[in-house]
Amino acid sequence: MELAYYSDYAVRLVNSEEPARGKDSLTSVEAVRSLFGGNQSAARRATDADVTRFRSVRGRLRAVFEAADGGDETLAVDLLNSLLLEFPVSPQISGHDFRDDDGRPLWHMHLADHPSNATAGYAAIAAMGLAFHLTEYGVDRLGLCEASPCRNAYLDTSTNRSRRYCSDRCATRANVAAYRARKRLEAGHGGDRGLAADSAQRSTAGSER
């Protein structure tokens, strides 16, 4: 499992809440377990007490994205470092069940946590994955969706650092809204030009009299 994969843990947790819409899907232990994806052995450790703990970590991870999105690199790094210190991990070389043509394991780095609870394990993985992404690709690769009122977190993996939305759906919605706004503006300017023309015509007619 590549270290970059773990950054998705942070995104999944942050996006379990949509503050601007008043939505929060993290309301049960089942919701907590679903965040672990295929890591079912870790998910089974979750209890009802982890719901509140997960929400606390979620707020701290969102603060990292907010700082990065606002251009405050130092704050983003400081916030992430505090999570890394509180929730440490142990990197290990792992082969799982994958084999190459010679029948040998395909070795890769794996983050092994030794948590006291499910939240500590998840937070350790999420923070380390996000730290790897930040140091490898840059703080400006952590963003919040610009399609109001979404504000979901995303990791920009575009070649030209141009991503602004969390999904194609939000990008389309924002483009449609921008198009309609331009049309309203153009219609307003058209009306202004019409009024100006009418005024000029009346002025000309008055002078002729």
Protein backbone atom coordinates (compact mmCIF):
# COMPACT_ATOMS: atom_id res chain seq x y z
CA MET A 1 0.00 0.00 0.00
CA GLU A 2 1.55 3.33 -1.02
CA LEU A 3 1.77 6.08 1.58
CA ALA A 4 -0.16 8.45 -0.72
CA TYR A 5 -3.19 6.20 -0.33
CA TYR A 6 -3.50 7.10 3.34
CA SER A 7 -4.22 10.75 2.58
CA ASP A 8 -7.69 9.66 1.46
CA TYR A 9 -8.43 8.77 5.08
CA ALA A 10 -8.23 12.46 5.95
CA VAL A 11 -10.45 13.51 3.04
CA ARG A 12 -13.09 10.89 3.85
CA LEU A 13 -13.29 11.97 7.47
CA VAL A 14 -13.40 15.72 6.75
CA ASN A 15 -16.11 15.25 4.13
CA SER A 16 -18.35 13.29 6.49
CA GLU A 17 -19.64 16.72 7.48
CA GLU A 18 -20.96 19.59 5.35
CA PRO A 19 -21.13 22.53 7.81
CA ALA A 20 -22.62 25.02 5.35
CA ARG A 21 -25.49 22.62 4.65
CA GLY A 22 -25.92 21.53 8.26
CA LYS A 23 -25.25 17.89 7.32
CA ASP A 24 -23.30 15.37 9.37
CA SER A 25 -23.18 11.69 8.42
CA LEU A 26 -20.94 10.76 11.36
CA THR A 27 -23.73 9.89 13.76
CA SER A 28 -23.20 6.20 14.59
CA VAL A 29 -20.54 3.58 15.13
CA GLU A 30 -21.53 2.08 11.77
CA ALA A 31 -20.69 5.39 10.09
CA VAL A 32 -17.30 5.38 11.83
CA ARG A 33 -16.57 1.84 10.65
CA SER A 34 -17.48 2.70 7.06
CA LEU A 35 -14.68 5.29 6.97
CA PHE A 36 -12.07 2.55 7.26
CA GLY A 37 -12.97 1.18 3.85
CA GLY A 38 -11.33 -2.21 3.31
CA ASN A 39 -9.45 -2.12 6.62
CA GLN A 40 -12.09 -4.14 8.40
CA SER A 41 -9.84 -5.41 11.18
CA ALA A 42 -9.32 -1.80 12.32
CA ALA A 43 -12.98 -0.93 11.78
CA ARG A 44 -14.11 -3.67 14.13
CA ARG A 45 -12.34 -1.93 17.02
CA ALA A 46 -14.71 1.05 16.78
CA THR A 47 -17.24 1.60 19.56
CA ASP A 48 -19.93 4.18 20.25
CA ALA A 49 -17.35 6.29 22.12
CA ASP A 50 -15.40 6.74 18.88
CA VAL A 51 -18.19 8.81 17.30
CA THR A 52 -17.37 11.82 19.48
CA ARG A 53 -13.63 11.24 19.21
CA PHE A 54 -13.79 11.01 15.42
CA ARG A 55 -15.68 14.30 15.27
CA SER A 56 -12.95 15.98 17.28
CA VAL A 57 -10.22 14.72 14.93
CA ARG A 58 -12.36 15.72 11.97
CA GLY A 59 -12.47 19.32 13.12
CA ARG A 60 -8.70 19.40 13.49
CA LEU A 61 -8.15 17.91 10.03
CA ARG A 62 -10.57 20.41 8.49
CA ALA A 63 -8.58 23.19 10.12
CA VAL A 64 -5.49 21.93 8.24
CA PHE A 65 -7.36 22.14 4.93
CA GLU A 66 -8.75 25.57 5.81
CA ALA A 67 -5.29 26.91 6.60
CA ALA A 68 -3.84 25.46 3.41
CA ASP A 69 -6.73 26.76 1.32
CA GLY A 70 -6.28 30.19 2.87
CA GLY A 71 -2.59 30.25 1.96
CA ASP A 72 -1.28 29.97 5.54
CA GLU A 73 1.32 27.23 5.01
CA THR A 74 2.92 27.57 8.44
CA LEU A 75 -0.38 27.18 10.27
CA ALA A 76 -1.33 24.16 8.15
CA VAL A 77 1.97 22.48 8.96
CA ASP A 78 1.77 23.35 12.67
CA LEU A 79 -1.75 21.92 12.94
CA LEU A 80 -0.74 18.75 11.12
CA ASN A 81 2.40 18.35 13.23
CA SER A 82 0.29 18.49 16.39
CA LEU A 83 -1.76 15.56 15.08
CA LEU A 84 1.36 13.61 14.13
CA LEU A 85 2.78 14.06 17.63
CA GLU A 86 -0.46 13.02 19.32
CA PHE A 87 -1.15 10.06 17.01
CA PRO A 88 2.16 8.40 16.02
CA VAL A 89 2.50 5.44 13.66
CA SER A 90 5.11 2.76 13.04
CA PRO A 91 6.14 2.32 9.40
CA GLN A 92 6.70 -1.28 8.36
CA ILE A 93 7.69 -3.10 5.18
CA SER A 94 4.82 -5.28 4.03
CA GLY A 95 4.21 -7.74 1.23
CA HIS A 96 0.61 -8.83 1.81
CA ASP A 97 -0.42 -11.55 -0.66
CA PHE A 98 0.89 -9.91 -3.82
CA ARG A 99 3.59 -11.80 -5.75
CA ASP A 100 5.78 -11.01 -8.72
CA ASP A 101 6.76 -13.40 -11.53
CA ASP A 102 9.34 -15.07 -9.31
CA GLY A 103 6.82 -15.75 -6.58
CA ARG A 104 8.39 -13.26 -4.21
CA PRO A 105 6.42 -10.67 -2.22
CA LEU A 106 6.03 -7.21 -3.69
CA TRP A 107 7.44 -5.22 -0.81
CA HIS A 108 6.05 -1.79 0.00
CA MET A 109 5.72 0.58 2.93
CA HIS A 110 2.79 0.10 5.26
CA LEU A 111 1.70 2.19 8.25
CA ALA A 112 1.17 -0.03 11.27
CA ASP A 113 -0.54 1.69 14.17
CA HIS A 114 -0.70 0.52 17.77
CA PRO A 115 -3.67 2.51 19.02
CA SER A 116 -5.58 2.40 22.25
CA ASN A 117 -8.80 2.87 20.30
CA ALA A 118 -10.14 3.06 16.75
CA THR A 119 -9.94 6.87 16.65
CA ALA A 120 -6.23 6.89 17.50
CA GLY A 121 -5.55 4.36 14.76
CA TYR A 122 -7.53 6.23 12.13
CA ALA A 123 -6.13 9.63 13.12
CA ALA A 124 -2.56 8.33 12.93
CA ILE A 125 -3.06 6.99 9.42
CA ALA A 126 -4.96 10.07 8.21
CA ALA A 127 -2.40 12.52 9.60
CA MET A 128 0.58 10.60 8.22
CA GLY A 129 -1.03 10.25 4.80
CA LEU A 130 -1.86 13.94 4.69
CA ALA A 131 1.67 14.83 5.82
CA PHE A 132 3.14 12.71 3.04
CA HIS A 133 0.92 14.39 0.46
CA LEU A 134 1.74 17.86 1.77
CA THR A 135 5.51 17.36 1.78
CA GLU A 136 5.58 15.51 -1.55
CA TYR A 137 3.30 17.80 -3.57
CA GLY A 138 3.01 21.08 -1.65
CA VAL A 139 0.59 22.74 0.76
CA ASP A 140 -1.33 24.31 -2.12
CA ARG A 141 -2.43 20.81 -3.15
CA LEU A 142 -4.82 20.73 -0.17
CA GLY A 143 -8.02 22.55 -1.03
CA LEU A 144 -11.65 23.19 -0.19
CA CYS A 145 -14.30 23.12 -2.91
CA GLU A 146 -15.14 26.57 -4.30
CA ALA A 147 -18.67 25.56 -5.29
CA SER A 148 -20.67 27.25 -2.53
CA PRO A 149 -21.99 25.99 -0.21
CA CYS A 150 -20.06 22.70 -0.61
CA ARG A 151 -16.59 23.34 0.89
CA ASN A 152 -15.66 19.66 0.78
CA ALA A 153 -11.96 18.87 1.12
CA TYR A 154 -9.95 17.54 -1.82
CA LEU A 155 -6.37 16.72 -2.79
CA ASP A 156 -5.26 18.36 -6.03
CA THR A 157 -3.45 15.81 -8.19
CA SER A 158 -3.78 17.76 -11.46
CA THR A 159 -0.61 18.32 -13.47
CA ASN A 160 -1.04 22.10 -13.54
CA ARG A 161 -2.37 22.64 -10.00
CA SER A 162 -5.67 23.88 -11.41
CA ARG A 163 -8.23 21.95 -9.37
CA ARG A 164 -10.83 24.10 -7.63
CA TYR A 165 -13.72 21.71 -6.94
CA CYS A 166 -14.12 18.46 -5.04
CA SER A 167 -15.99 16.69 -7.85
CA ASP A 168 -17.16 16.96 -11.44
CA ARG A 169 -20.66 17.58 -10.12
CA CYS A 170 -19.57 20.67 -8.18
CA ALA A 171 -17.49 21.90 -11.12
CA THR A 172 -20.49 21.63 -13.43
CA ARG A 173 -22.77 23.37 -10.94
CA ALA A 174 -20.29 26.22 -10.50
CA ASN A 175 -19.85 26.61 -14.27
CA VAL A 176 -23.62 26.71 -14.82
CA ALA A 177 -24.02 29.32 -12.05
CA ALA A 178 -21.24 31.44 -13.56
CA TYR A 179 -22.81 31.18 -17.02
CA ARG A 180 -26.21 32.28 -15.73
CA ALA A 181 -24.62 35.17 -13.84
CA ARG A 182 -22.91 36.36 -17.02
CA LYS A 183 -26.18 36.15 -18.92
CA ARG A 184 -27.98 38.21 -16.26
CA LEU A 185 -25.19 40.77 -16.39
CA GLU A 186 -25.32 40.94 -20.16
CA ALA A 187 -29.10 41.32 -20.06
CA GLY A 188 -28.76 44.15 -17.56
CA HIS A 189 -26.20 45.93 -19.72
CA GLY A 190 -28.44 45.45 -22.70
CA GLY A 191 -31.28 47.11 -20.84
CA ASP A 192 -29.01 49.98 -19.84
CA ARG A 193 -28.00 50.50 -23.46
CA GLY A 194 -31.65 50.49 -24.48
CA LEU A 195 -32.52 53.13 -21.89
CA ALA A 196 -29.57 55.24 -22.99
CA ALA A 197 -30.67 55.00 -26.62
CA ASP A 198 -34.24 55.99 -25.74
CA SER A 199 -32.98 58.94 -23.72
CA ALA A 200 -30.75 60.10 -26.57
CA GLN A 201 -33.62 59.78 -29.02
CA ARG A 202 -35.92 61.85 -26.81
CA SER A 203 -33.21 64.49 -26.37
CA THR A 204 -32.71 64.72 -30.14
CA ALA A 205 -36.43 65.01 -30.73
CA GLY A 206 -36.70 67.78 -28.15
CA SER A 207 -33.88 69.79 -29.69
CA GLU A 208 -35.45 69.52 -33.13
CA ARG A 209 -38.61 71.08 -31.75
